[in-house]
Amino acid sequence: MQIIKIDVKSKDVLCSYKDIDIGVVTKKYIAESKVSDAEKMRFQMECLQYLATTIAKIIERSPLKYRMVHAITCLSSYVVAHNHALCEKKMK
């Protein structure tokens, strides 16, 4: 339940634009291009914003926010075998 409470647009959670992995080919083309460093930084910032927005949308649509999803873990054979009391509690 904790993961869906993360504010992915918070400055504390986001990494630096320099740490964004944009891929090998993209890095190659950016290095070969004749754009300014400001343009490269802006592109990486846009990538960071895109990732944050995408993750926020995934969390928004995630079924993890529903109690039923958490309760259904009691149907896992591993959980039944190792924590029978928890399964009984969740089934109630």
PDB file of N, CA and C in Angstrom:
ATOM      1  N   MET A   1       0.818  -1.190   0.000  1.00  0.00           N
ATOM      2  CA  MET A   1       0.000   0.000   0.000  1.00  0.00           C
ATOM      3  C   MET A   1       0.864   1.259   0.000  1.00  0.00           C
ATOM      4  N   GLN A   2       2.085   1.149   0.467  1.00  0.00           N
ATOM      5  CA  GLN A   2       2.967   2.307   0.563  1.00  0.00           C
ATOM      6  C   GLN A   2       3.368   2.840  -0.816  1.00  0.00           C
ATOM      7  N   ILE A   3       3.524   1.958  -1.783  1.00  0.00           N
ATOM      8  CA  ILE A   3       4.020   2.387  -3.095  1.00  0.00           C
ATOM      9  C   ILE A   3       3.041   3.316  -3.801  1.00  0.00           C
ATOM     10  N   ILE A   4       1.763   3.160  -3.583  1.00  0.00           N
ATOM     11  CA  ILE A   4       0.811   4.031  -4.277  1.00  0.00           C
ATOM     12  C   ILE A   4       0.692   5.392  -3.609  1.00  0.00           C
ATOM     13  N   LYS A   5       1.329   5.566  -2.451  1.00  0.00           N
ATOM     14  CA  LYS A   5       1.304   6.850  -1.767  1.00  0.00           C
ATOM     15  C   LYS A   5       2.495   7.731  -2.131  1.00  0.00           C
ATOM     16  N   ILE A   6       3.381   7.250  -2.975  1.00  0.00           N
ATOM     17  CA  ILE A   6       4.559   8.014  -3.364  1.00  0.00           C
ATOM     18  C   ILE A   6       4.146   9.124  -4.335  1.00  0.00           C
ATOM     19  N   ASP A   7       4.593  10.335  -4.064  1.00  0.00           N
ATOM     20  CA  ASP A   7       4.352  11.464  -4.967  1.00  0.00           C
ATOM     21  C   ASP A   7       5.495  11.491  -5.981  1.00  0.00           C
ATOM     22  N   VAL A   8       5.255  10.954  -7.163  1.00  0.00           N
ATOM     23  CA  VAL A   8       6.327  10.804  -8.153  1.00  0.00           C
ATOM     24  C   VAL A   8       6.752  12.128  -8.770  1.00  0.00           C
ATOM     25  N   LYS A   9       6.028  13.175  -8.528  1.00  0.00           N
ATOM     26  CA  LYS A   9       6.415  14.480  -9.064  1.00  0.00           C
ATOM     27  C   LYS A   9       7.182  15.317  -8.047  1.00  0.00           C
ATOM     28  N   SER A  10       7.405  14.760  -6.866  1.00  0.00           N
ATOM     29  CA  SER A  10       8.132  15.457  -5.818  1.00  0.00           C
ATOM     30  C   SER A  10       9.623  15.500  -6.149  1.00  0.00           C
ATOM     31  N   LYS A  11      10.246  16.612  -5.854  1.00  0.00           N
ATOM     32  CA  LYS A  11      11.686  16.779  -6.106  1.00  0.00           C
ATOM     33  C   LYS A  11      12.513  15.802  -5.278  1.00  0.00           C
ATOM     34  N   ASP A  12      11.990  15.387  -4.124  1.00  0.00           N
ATOM     35  CA  ASP A  12      12.712  14.450  -3.262  1.00  0.00           C
ATOM     36  C   ASP A  12      12.797  13.060  -3.877  1.00  0.00           C
ATOM     37  N   VAL A  13      11.806  12.699  -4.664  1.00  0.00           N
ATOM     38  CA  VAL A  13      11.734  11.359  -5.240  1.00  0.00           C
ATOM     39  C   VAL A  13      12.448  11.291  -6.595  1.00  0.00           C
ATOM     40  N   LEU A  14      12.355  12.355  -7.374  1.00  0.00           N
ATOM     41  CA  LEU A  14      12.928  12.354  -8.717  1.00  0.00           C
ATOM     42  C   LEU A  14      14.451  12.359  -8.687  1.00  0.00           C
ATOM     43  N   CYS A  15      15.023  11.697  -9.663  1.00  0.00           N
ATOM     44  CA  CYS A  15      16.477  11.736  -9.795  1.00  0.00           C
ATOM     45  C   CYS A  15      16.855  12.964 -10.637  1.00  0.00           C
ATOM     46  N   SER A  16      18.118  13.186 -10.760  1.00  0.00           N
ATOM     47  CA  SER A  16      18.607  14.317 -11.545  1.00  0.00           C
ATOM     48  C   SER A  16      18.397  14.040 -13.035  1.00  0.00           C
ATOM     49  N   TYR A  17      18.268  15.086 -13.805  1.00  0.00           N
ATOM     50  CA  TYR A  17      18.098  14.896 -15.252  1.00  0.00           C
ATOM     51  C   TYR A  17      19.327  14.229 -15.856  1.00  0.00           C
ATOM     52  N   LYS A  18      20.475  14.370 -15.224  1.00  0.00           N
ATOM     53  CA  LYS A  18      21.702  13.751 -15.722  1.00  0.00           C
ATOM     54  C   LYS A  18      21.690  12.231 -15.538  1.00  0.00           C
ATOM     55  N   ASP A  19      20.886  11.754 -14.595  1.00  0.00           N
ATOM     56  CA  ASP A  19      20.840  10.323 -14.289  1.00  0.00           C
ATOM     57  C   ASP A  19      19.793   9.560 -15.090  1.00  0.00           C
ATOM     58  N   ILE A  20      19.043  10.246 -15.934  1.00  0.00           N
ATOM     59  CA  ILE A  20      18.014   9.599 -16.743  1.00  0.00           C
ATOM     60  C   ILE A  20      18.685   8.740 -17.815  1.00  0.00           C
ATOM     61  N   ASP A  21      18.249   7.491 -17.915  1.00  0.00           N
ATOM     62  CA  ASP A  21      18.774   6.588 -18.940  1.00  0.00           C
ATOM     63  C   ASP A  21      17.926   6.744 -20.200  1.00  0.00           C
ATOM     64  N   ILE A  22      18.473   7.427 -21.182  1.00  0.00           N
ATOM     65  CA  ILE A  22      17.728   7.689 -22.416  1.00  0.00           C
ATOM     66  C   ILE A  22      18.063   6.681 -23.506  1.00  0.00           C
ATOM     67  N   GLY A  23      18.932   5.748 -23.208  1.00  0.00           N
ATOM     68  CA  GLY A  23      19.264   4.700 -24.156  1.00  0.00           C
ATOM     69  C   GLY A  23      20.559   4.991 -24.895  1.00  0.00           C
ATOM     70  N   VAL A  24      21.167   3.934 -25.360  1.00  0.00           N
ATOM     71  CA  VAL A  24      22.469   4.029 -26.027  1.00  0.00           C
ATOM     72  C   VAL A  24      22.372   4.790 -27.346  1.00  0.00           C
ATOM     73  N   VAL A  25      21.392   4.453 -28.143  1.00  0.00           N
ATOM     74  CA  VAL A  25      21.264   5.085 -29.465  1.00  0.00           C
ATOM     75  C   VAL A  25      20.945   6.569 -29.326  1.00  0.00           C
ATOM     76  N   THR A  26      20.061   6.913 -28.403  1.00  0.00           N
ATOM     77  CA  THR A  26      19.718   8.316 -28.192  1.00  0.00           C
ATOM     78  C   THR A  26      20.923   9.103 -27.714  1.00  0.00           C
ATOM     79  N   LYS A  27      21.687   8.518 -26.803  1.00  0.00           N
ATOM     80  CA  LYS A  27      22.910   9.184 -26.333  1.00  0.00           C
ATOM     81  C   LYS A  27      23.877   9.413 -27.489  1.00  0.00           C
ATOM     82  N   LYS A  28      23.980   8.430 -28.370  1.00  0.00           N
ATOM     83  CA  LYS A  28      24.878   8.539 -29.524  1.00  0.00           C
ATOM     84  C   LYS A  28      24.441   9.680 -30.435  1.00  0.00           C
ATOM     85  N   TYR A  29      23.144   9.730 -30.745  1.00  0.00           N
ATOM     86  CA  TYR A  29      22.653  10.789 -31.631  1.00  0.00           C
ATOM     87  C   TYR A  29      22.761  12.171 -30.996  1.00  0.00           C
ATOM     88  N   ILE A  30      22.535  12.252 -29.709  1.00  0.00           N
ATOM     89  CA  ILE A  30      22.675  13.546 -29.036  1.00  0.00           C
ATOM     90  C   ILE A  30      24.125  13.991 -29.053  1.00  0.00           C
ATOM     91  N   ALA A  31      25.046  13.055 -28.831  1.00  0.00           N
ATOM     92  CA  ALA A  31      26.474  13.396 -28.847  1.00  0.00           C
ATOM     93  C   ALA A  31      26.918  13.840 -30.239  1.00  0.00           C
ATOM     94  N   GLU A  32      26.368  13.220 -31.279  1.00  0.00           N
ATOM     95  CA  GLU A  32      26.738  13.556 -32.652  1.00  0.00           C
ATOM     96  C   GLU A  32      26.043  14.815 -33.165  1.00  0.00           C
ATOM     97  N   SER A  33      24.943  15.180 -32.540  1.00  0.00           N
ATOM     98  CA  SER A  33      24.192  16.333 -33.027  1.00  0.00           C
ATOM     99  C   SER A  33      24.904  17.632 -32.681  1.00  0.00           C
ATOM    100  N   LYS A  34      24.471  18.675 -33.346  1.00  0.00           N
ATOM    101  CA  LYS A  34      25.096  19.984 -33.154  1.00  0.00           C
ATOM    102  C   LYS A  34      24.177  20.911 -32.373  1.00  0.00           C
ATOM    103  N   VAL A  35      23.487  20.337 -31.387  1.00  0.00           N
ATOM    104  CA  VAL A  35      22.614  21.155 -30.550  1.00  0.00           C
ATOM    105  C   VAL A  35      23.390  21.624 -29.331  1.00  0.00           C
ATOM    106  N   SER A  36      22.927  22.692 -28.751  1.00  0.00           N
ATOM    107  CA  SER A  36      23.619  23.276 -27.601  1.00  0.00           C
ATOM    108  C   SER A  36      23.418  22.409 -26.351  1.00  0.00           C
ATOM    109  N   ASP A  37      24.228  22.667 -25.357  1.00  0.00           N
ATOM    110  CA  ASP A  37      24.104  21.941 -24.096  1.00  0.00           C
ATOM    111  C   ASP A  37      22.770  22.242 -23.427  1.00  0.00           C
ATOM    112  N   ALA A  38      22.275  23.447 -23.613  1.00  0.00           N
ATOM    113  CA  ALA A  38      20.970  23.815 -23.053  1.00  0.00           C
ATOM    114  C   ALA A  38      19.857  22.979 -23.676  1.00  0.00           C
ATOM    115  N   GLU A  39      19.942  22.748 -24.988  1.00  0.00           N
ATOM    116  CA  GLU A  39      18.944  21.918 -25.675  1.00  0.00           C
ATOM    117  C   GLU A  39      19.022  20.473 -25.191  1.00  0.00           C
ATOM    118  N   LYS A  40      20.232  19.971 -24.990  1.00  0.00           N
ATOM    119  CA  LYS A  40      20.403  18.604 -24.490  1.00  0.00           C
ATOM    120  C   LYS A  40      19.809  18.475 -23.091  1.00  0.00           C
ATOM    121  N   MET A  41      20.067  19.487 -22.253  1.00  0.00           N
ATOM    122  CA  MET A  41      19.530  19.474 -20.900  1.00  0.00           C
ATOM    123  C   MET A  41      18.005  19.540 -20.931  1.00  0.00           C
ATOM    124  N   ARG A  42      17.458  20.362 -21.789  1.00  0.00           N
ATOM    125  CA  ARG A  42      16.004  20.488 -21.898  1.00  0.00           C
ATOM    126  C   ARG A  42      15.372  19.165 -22.341  1.00  0.00           C
ATOM    127  N   PHE A  43      16.037  18.462 -23.283  1.00  0.00           N
ATOM    128  CA  PHE A  43      15.550  17.159 -23.731  1.00  0.00           C
ATOM    129  C   PHE A  43      15.528  16.162 -22.572  1.00  0.00           C
ATOM    130  N   GLN A  44      16.605  16.145 -21.779  1.00  0.00           N
ATOM    131  CA  GLN A  44      16.666  15.229 -20.650  1.00  0.00           C
ATOM    132  C   GLN A  44      15.625  15.601 -19.582  1.00  0.00           C
ATOM    133  N   MET A  45      15.374  16.875 -19.399  1.00  0.00           N
ATOM    134  CA  MET A  45      14.343  17.312 -18.457  1.00  0.00           C
ATOM    135  C   MET A  45      12.957  16.878 -18.939  1.00  0.00           C
ATOM    136  N   GLU A  46      12.730  16.955 -20.242  1.00  0.00           N
ATOM    137  CA  GLU A  46      11.457  16.502 -20.803  1.00  0.00           C
ATOM    138  C   GLU A  46      11.300  14.995 -20.637  1.00  0.00           C
ATOM    139  N   CYS A  47      12.383  14.257 -20.782  1.00  0.00           N
ATOM    140  CA  CYS A  47      12.348  12.805 -20.546  1.00  0.00           C
ATOM    141  C   CYS A  47      11.989  12.514 -19.097  1.00  0.00           C
ATOM    142  N   LEU A  48      12.579  13.263 -18.180  1.00  0.00           N
ATOM    143  CA  LEU A  48      12.294  13.102 -16.757  1.00  0.00           C
ATOM    144  C   LEU A  48      10.829  13.402 -16.468  1.00  0.00           C
ATOM    145  N   GLN A  49      10.310  14.466 -17.054  1.00  0.00           N
ATOM    146  CA  GLN A  49       8.902  14.830 -16.871  1.00  0.00           C
ATOM    147  C   GLN A  49       7.982  13.761 -17.454  1.00  0.00           C
ATOM    148  N   TYR A  50       8.341  13.237 -18.613  1.00  0.00           N
ATOM    149  CA  TYR A  50       7.544  12.175 -19.243  1.00  0.00           C
ATOM    150  C   TYR A  50       7.490  10.941 -18.341  1.00  0.00           C
ATOM    151  N   LEU A  51       8.636  10.535 -17.806  1.00  0.00           N
ATOM    152  CA  LEU A  51       8.675   9.359 -16.938  1.00  0.00           C
ATOM    153  C   LEU A  51       7.835   9.572 -15.678  1.00  0.00           C
ATOM    154  N   ALA A  52       7.933  10.748 -15.076  1.00  0.00           N
ATOM    155  CA  ALA A  52       7.156  11.043 -13.876  1.00  0.00           C
ATOM    156  C   ALA A  52       5.659  11.019 -14.172  1.00  0.00           C
ATOM    157  N   THR A  53       5.257  11.585 -15.302  1.00  0.00           N
ATOM    158  CA  THR A  53       3.844  11.606 -15.685  1.00  0.00           C
ATOM    159  C   THR A  53       3.337  10.199 -15.976  1.00  0.00           C
ATOM    160  N   THR A  54       4.154   9.410 -16.660  1.00  0.00           N
ATOM    161  CA  THR A  54       3.770   8.030 -16.977  1.00  0.00           C
ATOM    162  C   THR A  54       3.608   7.199 -15.712  1.00  0.00           C
ATOM    163  N   ILE A  55       4.543   7.321 -14.793  1.00  0.00           N
ATOM    164  CA  ILE A  55       4.460   6.569 -13.539  1.00  0.00           C
ATOM    165  C   ILE A  55       3.252   7.015 -12.723  1.00  0.00           C
ATOM    166  N   ALA A  56       2.972   8.310 -12.708  1.00  0.00           N
ATOM    167  CA  ALA A  56       1.804   8.814 -11.989  1.00  0.00           C
ATOM    168  C   ALA A  56       0.518   8.231 -12.574  1.00  0.00           C
ATOM    169  N   LYS A  57       0.447   8.121 -13.890  1.00  0.00           N
ATOM    170  CA  LYS A  57      -0.742   7.557 -14.540  1.00  0.00           C
ATOM    171  C   LYS A  57      -0.880   6.068 -14.239  1.00  0.00           C
ATOM    172  N   ILE A  58       0.239   5.351 -14.212  1.00  0.00           N
ATOM    173  CA  ILE A  58       0.203   3.924 -13.887  1.00  0.00           C
ATOM    174  C   ILE A  58      -0.278   3.719 -12.452  1.00  0.00           C
ATOM    175  N   ILE A  59       0.225   4.531 -11.539  1.00  0.00           N
ATOM    176  CA  ILE A  59      -0.197   4.424 -10.141  1.00  0.00           C
ATOM    177  C   ILE A  59      -1.671   4.783  -9.999  1.00  0.00           C
ATOM    178  N   GLU A  60      -2.109   5.788 -10.740  1.00  0.00           N
ATOM    179  CA  GLU A  60      -3.509   6.202 -10.680  1.00  0.00           C
ATOM    180  C   GLU A  60      -4.447   5.084 -11.115  1.00  0.00           C
ATOM    181  N   ARG A  61      -4.043   4.335 -12.122  1.00  0.00           N
ATOM    182  CA  ARG A  61      -4.889   3.269 -12.660  1.00  0.00           C
ATOM    183  C   ARG A  61      -4.598   1.904 -12.043  1.00  0.00           C
ATOM    184  N   SER A  62      -3.675   1.849 -11.136  1.00  0.00           N
ATOM    185  CA  SER A  62      -3.268   0.591 -10.532  1.00  0.00           C
ATOM    186  C   SER A  62      -4.364   0.015  -9.638  1.00  0.00           C
ATOM    187  N   PRO A  63      -4.552  -1.280  -9.690  1.00  0.00           N
ATOM    188  CA  PRO A  63      -5.530  -1.894  -8.791  1.00  0.00           C
ATOM    189  C   PRO A  63      -5.027  -1.998  -7.352  1.00  0.00           C
ATOM    190  N   LEU A  64      -3.773  -1.638  -7.110  1.00  0.00           N
ATOM    191  CA  LEU A  64      -3.212  -1.731  -5.765  1.00  0.00           C
ATOM    192  C   LEU A  64      -3.909  -0.829  -4.754  1.00  0.00           C
ATOM    193  N   LYS A  65      -4.649   0.155  -5.229  1.00  0.00           N
ATOM    194  CA  LYS A  65      -5.321   1.061  -4.306  1.00  0.00           C
ATOM    195  C   LYS A  65      -6.599   0.456  -3.720  1.00  0.00           C
ATOM    196  N   TYR A  66      -7.013  -0.689  -4.233  1.00  0.00           N
ATOM    197  CA  TYR A  66      -8.228  -1.330  -3.750  1.00  0.00           C
ATOM    198  C   TYR A  66      -7.907  -2.356  -2.665  1.00  0.00           C
ATOM    199  N   ARG A  67      -8.699  -2.361  -1.627  1.00  0.00           N
ATOM    200  CA  ARG A  67      -8.482  -3.295  -0.528  1.00  0.00           C
ATOM    201  C   ARG A  67      -8.627  -4.740  -0.983  1.00  0.00           C
ATOM    202  N   MET A  68      -9.479  -4.968  -1.957  1.00  0.00           N
ATOM    203  CA  MET A  68      -9.711  -6.325  -2.437  1.00  0.00           C
ATOM    204  C   MET A  68      -8.430  -6.949  -2.982  1.00  0.00           C
ATOM    205  N   VAL A  69      -7.626  -6.152  -3.648  1.00  0.00           N
ATOM    206  CA  VAL A  69      -6.367  -6.655  -4.216  1.00  0.00           C
ATOM    207  C   VAL A  69      -5.433  -7.096  -3.103  1.00  0.00           C
ATOM    208  N   HIS A  70      -5.390  -6.347  -2.027  1.00  0.00           N
ATOM    209  CA  HIS A  70      -4.544  -6.725  -0.902  1.00  0.00           C
ATOM    210  C   HIS A  70      -5.102  -7.956  -0.198  1.00  0.00           C
ATOM    211  N   ALA A  71      -6.408  -8.054  -0.116  1.00  0.00           N
ATOM    212  CA  ALA A  71      -7.027  -9.189   0.554  1.00  0.00           C
ATOM    213  C   ALA A  71      -6.871 -10.480  -0.246  1.00  0.00           C
ATOM    214  N   ILE A  72      -6.789 -10.369  -1.540  1.00  0.00           N
ATOM    215  CA  ILE A  72      -6.728 -11.563  -2.390  1.00  0.00           C
ATOM    216  C   ILE A  72      -5.387 -12.300  -2.264  1.00  0.00           C
ATOM    217  N   THR A  73      -4.415 -11.667  -1.638  1.00  0.00           N
ATOM    218  CA  THR A  73      -3.134 -12.348  -1.427  1.00  0.00           C
ATOM    219  C   THR A  73      -3.291 -13.576  -0.554  1.00  0.00           C
ATOM    220  N   CYS A  74      -4.396 -13.658   0.163  1.00  0.00           N
ATOM    221  CA  CYS A  74      -4.629 -14.839   0.997  1.00  0.00           C
ATOM    222  C   CYS A  74      -4.867 -16.088   0.156  1.00  0.00           C
ATOM    223  N   LEU A  75      -5.067 -15.943  -1.127  1.00  0.00           N
ATOM    224  CA  LEU A  75      -5.254 -17.100  -2.003  1.00  0.00           C
ATOM    225  C   LEU A  75      -3.933 -17.680  -2.498  1.00  0.00           C
ATOM    226  N   SER A  76      -2.856 -17.021  -2.203  1.00  0.00           N
ATOM    227  CA  SER A  76      -1.540 -17.514  -2.583  1.00  0.00           C
ATOM    228  C   SER A  76      -1.183 -18.725  -1.722  1.00  0.00           C
ATOM    229  N   SER A  77      -0.740 -19.785  -2.359  1.00  0.00           N
ATOM    230  CA  SER A  77      -0.411 -21.003  -1.611  1.00  0.00           C
ATOM    231  C   SER A  77       0.742 -20.771  -0.640  1.00  0.00           C
ATOM    232  N   TYR A  78       1.668 -19.921  -0.998  1.00  0.00           N
ATOM    233  CA  TYR A  78       2.792 -19.624  -0.111  1.00  0.00           C
ATOM    234  C   TYR A  78       2.305 -18.936   1.162  1.00  0.00           C
ATOM    235  N   VAL A  79       1.429 -17.968   0.997  1.00  0.00           N
ATOM    236  CA  VAL A  79       0.906 -17.240   2.150  1.00  0.00           C
ATOM    237  C   VAL A  79       0.059 -18.164   3.016  1.00  0.00           C
ATOM    238  N   VAL A  80      -0.732 -19.022   2.400  1.00  0.00           N
ATOM    239  CA  VAL A  80      -1.564 -19.967   3.154  1.00  0.00           C
ATOM    240  C   VAL A  80      -0.677 -20.896   3.981  1.00  0.00           C
ATOM    241  N   ALA A  81       0.402 -21.361   3.383  1.00  0.00           N
ATOM    242  CA  ALA A  81       1.281 -22.309   4.072  1.00  0.00           C
ATOM    243  C   ALA A  81       2.063 -21.661   5.205  1.00  0.00           C
ATOM    244  N   HIS A  82       2.437 -20.409   5.041  1.00  0.00           N
ATOM    245  CA  HIS A  82       3.319 -19.780   6.014  1.00  0.00           C
ATOM    246  C   HIS A  82       2.633 -18.837   6.997  1.00  0.00           C
ATOM    247  N   ASN A  83       1.438 -18.387   6.681  1.00  0.00           N
ATOM    248  CA  ASN A  83       0.763 -17.457   7.592  1.00  0.00           C
ATOM    249  C   ASN A  83      -0.745 -17.682   7.518  1.00  0.00           C
ATOM    250  N   HIS A  84      -1.152 -18.809   8.054  1.00  0.00           N
ATOM    251  CA  HIS A  84      -2.550 -19.220   7.996  1.00  0.00           C
ATOM    252  C   HIS A  84      -3.471 -18.224   8.711  1.00  0.00           C
ATOM    253  N   ALA A  85      -3.017 -17.669   9.821  1.00  0.00           N
ATOM    254  CA  ALA A  85      -3.842 -16.719  10.585  1.00  0.00           C
ATOM    255  C   ALA A  85      -4.129 -15.456   9.778  1.00  0.00           C
ATOM    256  N   LEU A  86      -3.138 -14.984   9.051  1.00  0.00           N
ATOM    257  CA  LEU A  86      -3.329 -13.794   8.211  1.00  0.00           C
ATOM    258  C   LEU A  86      -4.359 -14.070   7.118  1.00  0.00           C
ATOM    259  N   CYS A  87      -4.314 -15.252   6.543  1.00  0.00           N
ATOM    260  CA  CYS A  87      -5.278 -15.616   5.501  1.00  0.00           C
ATOM    261  C   CYS A  87      -6.699 -15.634   6.046  1.00  0.00           C
ATOM    262  N   GLU A  88      -6.862 -16.187   7.223  1.00  0.00           N
ATOM    263  CA  GLU A  88      -8.192 -16.210   7.834  1.00  0.00           C
ATOM    264  C   GLU A  88      -8.707 -14.790   8.084  1.00  0.00           C
ATOM    265  N   LYS A  89      -7.820 -13.937   8.557  1.00  0.00           N
ATOM    266  CA  LYS A  89      -8.196 -12.544   8.829  1.00  0.00           C
ATOM    267  C   LYS A  89      -8.612 -11.834   7.539  1.00  0.00           C
ATOM    268  N   LYS A  90      -7.868 -12.052   6.463  1.00  0.00           N
ATOM    269  CA  LYS A  90      -8.178 -11.388   5.191  1.00  0.00           C
ATOM    270  C   LYS A  90      -9.450 -11.925   4.568  1.00  0.00           C
ATOM    271  N   MET A  91      -9.757 -13.198   4.804  1.00  0.00           N
ATOM    272  CA  MET A  91     -10.979 -13.779   4.247  1.00  0.00           C
ATOM    273  C   MET A  91     -12.233 -13.225   4.921  1.00  0.00           C
ATOM    274  N   LYS A  92     -12.081 -12.779   6.156  1.00  0.00           N
ATOM    275  CA  LYS A  92     -13.217 -12.184   6.870  1.00  0.00           C
ATOM    276  C   LYS A  92     -13.514 -10.838   6.280  1.00  0.00           C
TER     277      LYS A  92
END
